[in-house]
C-alpha atoms as a PDB file:
ATOM      1  CA  MET A   1      91.587 101.679 105.946  1.00  0.00           C
ATOM      2  CA  SER A   2      93.010 100.429 109.184  1.00  0.00           C
ATOM      3  CA  PHE A   3      95.826 101.670 111.359  1.00  0.00           C
ATOM      4  CA  ILE A   4      98.498  99.041 112.016  1.00  0.00           C
ATOM      5  CA  SER A   5     101.463 100.759 113.646  1.00  0.00           C
ATOM      6  CA  ASP A   6     103.415 104.004 113.616  1.00  0.00           C
ATOM      7  CA  ALA A   7     106.445 102.194 112.159  1.00  0.00           C
ATOM      8  CA  ILE A   8     104.444 100.856 109.207  1.00  0.00           C
ATOM      9  CA  GLU A   9     102.806 104.238 108.598  1.00  0.00           C
ATOM     10  CA  MET A  10     106.245 105.922 108.571  1.00  0.00           C
ATOM     11  CA  ALA A  11     107.691 103.248 106.258  1.00  0.00           C
ATOM     12  CA  LEU A  12     104.786 103.655 103.833  1.00  0.00           C
ATOM     13  CA  THR A  13     105.290 107.431 103.878  1.00  0.00           C
ATOM     14  CA  ARG A  14     108.991 107.000 103.014  1.00  0.00           C
ATOM     15  CA  ILE A  15     108.169 104.561 100.209  1.00  0.00           C
ATOM     16  CA  THR A  16     105.517 106.937  98.863  1.00  0.00           C
ATOM     17  CA  LYS A  17     107.956 109.865  98.800  1.00  0.00           C
ATOM     18  CA  GLN A  18     110.571 107.754  96.994  1.00  0.00           C
ATOM     19  CA  LEU A  19     108.063 106.531  94.413  1.00  0.00           C
ATOM     20  CA  LEU A  20     106.862 110.055  93.698  1.00  0.00           C
ATOM     21  CA  GLU A  21     110.459 111.308  93.408  1.00  0.00           C
ATOM     22  CA  HIS A  22     110.845 108.757  90.590  1.00  0.00           C
ATOM     23  CA  ASP A  23     107.481 109.618  88.991  1.00  0.00           C
ATOM     24  CA  ALA A  24     106.186 106.151  89.858  1.00  0.00           C
ATOM     25  CA  HIS A  25     102.810 105.242  91.344  1.00  0.00           C
ATOM     26  CA  ASN A  26     103.321 101.523  91.965  1.00  0.00           C
ATOM     27  CA  ALA A  27     105.998  99.001  92.845  1.00  0.00           C
ATOM     28  CA  THR A  28     106.190  95.237  93.222  1.00  0.00           C
ATOM     29  CA  SER A  29     108.932  93.285  94.937  1.00  0.00           C
ATOM     30  CA  LEU A  30     109.715  89.963  96.580  1.00  0.00           C
ATOM     31  CA  VAL A  31     110.533  90.156 100.269  1.00  0.00           C
ATOM     32  CA  CYS A  32     111.588  87.606 102.843  1.00  0.00           C
ATOM     33  CA  ALA A  33     110.179  87.838 106.365  1.00  0.00           C
ATOM     34  CA  GLN A  34     110.209  85.233 109.120  1.00  0.00           C
ATOM     35  CA  GLY A  35     111.664  82.657 106.736  1.00  0.00           C
ATOM     36  CA  GLU A  36     108.888  83.031 104.148  1.00  0.00           C
ATOM     37  CA  PHE A  37     108.871  84.816 100.788  1.00  0.00           C
ATOM     38  CA  TYR A  38     106.123  87.256  99.941  1.00  0.00           C
ATOM     39  CA  ARG A  39     105.183  89.316  96.925  1.00  0.00           C
ATOM     40  CA  ALA A  40     104.785  92.892  98.152  1.00  0.00           C
ATOM     41  CA  GLU A  41     102.898  95.505  96.177  1.00  0.00           C
ATOM     42  CA  ILE A  42     102.233  99.178  96.714  1.00  0.00           C
ATOM     43  CA  ARG A  43      99.932 101.303  94.591  1.00  0.00           C
ATOM     44  CA  LEU A  44      99.459 105.019  95.083  1.00  0.00           C
ATOM     45  CA  GLU A  45      95.973 106.305  94.439  1.00  0.00           C
ATOM     46  CA  ARG A  46      95.395 110.051  94.694  1.00  0.00           C
ATOM     47  CA  ILE A  47      92.339 111.037  96.713  1.00  0.00           C
ATOM     48  CA  ASP A  48      90.406 114.287  96.805  1.00  0.00           C
ATOM     49  CA  PRO A  49      91.198 116.265  99.976  1.00  0.00           C
ATOM     50  CA  ALA A  50      87.454 116.641 100.562  1.00  0.00           C
ATOM     51  CA  ASP A  51      87.252 112.828 100.906  1.00  0.00           C
ATOM     52  CA  ILE A  52      90.087 112.441 103.428  1.00  0.00           C
ATOM     53  CA  ALA A  53      87.770 111.779 106.388  1.00  0.00           C
ATOM     54  CA  ARG A  54      86.328 108.645 104.835  1.00  0.00           C
ATOM     55  CA  HIS A  55      89.828 107.269 104.167  1.00  0.00           C
ATOM     56  CA  LEU A  56      91.129 107.739 107.712  1.00  0.00           C
ATOM     57  CA  PRO A  57      91.266 104.798 110.112  1.00  0.00           C
ATOM     58  CA  ASP A  58      88.530 104.533 112.701  1.00  0.00           C
ATOM     59  CA  VAL A  59      89.937 106.298 115.750  1.00  0.00           C
ATOM     60  CA  PRO A  60      88.207 108.076 118.615  1.00  0.00           C
ATOM     61  CA  ALA A  61      87.481 111.746 117.992  1.00  0.00           C
ATOM     62  CA  LEU A  62      90.403 113.957 118.914  1.00  0.00           C
ATOM     63  CA  VAL A  63      88.358 117.127 119.221  1.00  0.00           C
ATOM     64  CA  ASN A  64      85.317 117.449 121.419  1.00  0.00           C
ATOM     65  CA  ASP A  65      82.838 119.864 119.868  1.00  0.00           C
ATOM     66  CA  ALA A  66      80.773 120.119 123.064  1.00  0.00           C
ATOM     67  CA  PRO A  67      81.148 123.354 125.017  1.00  0.00           C
ATOM     68  CA  HIS A  68      83.544 123.180 127.926  1.00  0.00           C
ATOM     69  CA  GLU A  69      82.267 123.990 131.368  1.00  0.00           C
ATOM     70  CA  GLN A  70      84.321 126.407 133.372  1.00  0.00           C
ATOM     71  CA  GLY A  71      84.467 126.237 137.086  1.00  0.00           C
END
């Protein structure tokens, strides 16, 4: 999985919520962008919470486990 942009992540979250509200787990549509037509697909695949770490994009660690020096 790769991180693209906050806007895309938020749009995918909105689409996911709408699909689940309609008991759907996939959608296909034609979209036009920059003068070209594209077939767009989204498929929701449930993952086990224990496996979340391996599905996250590669980003630097946010928490440093090393002890902090005081001084």
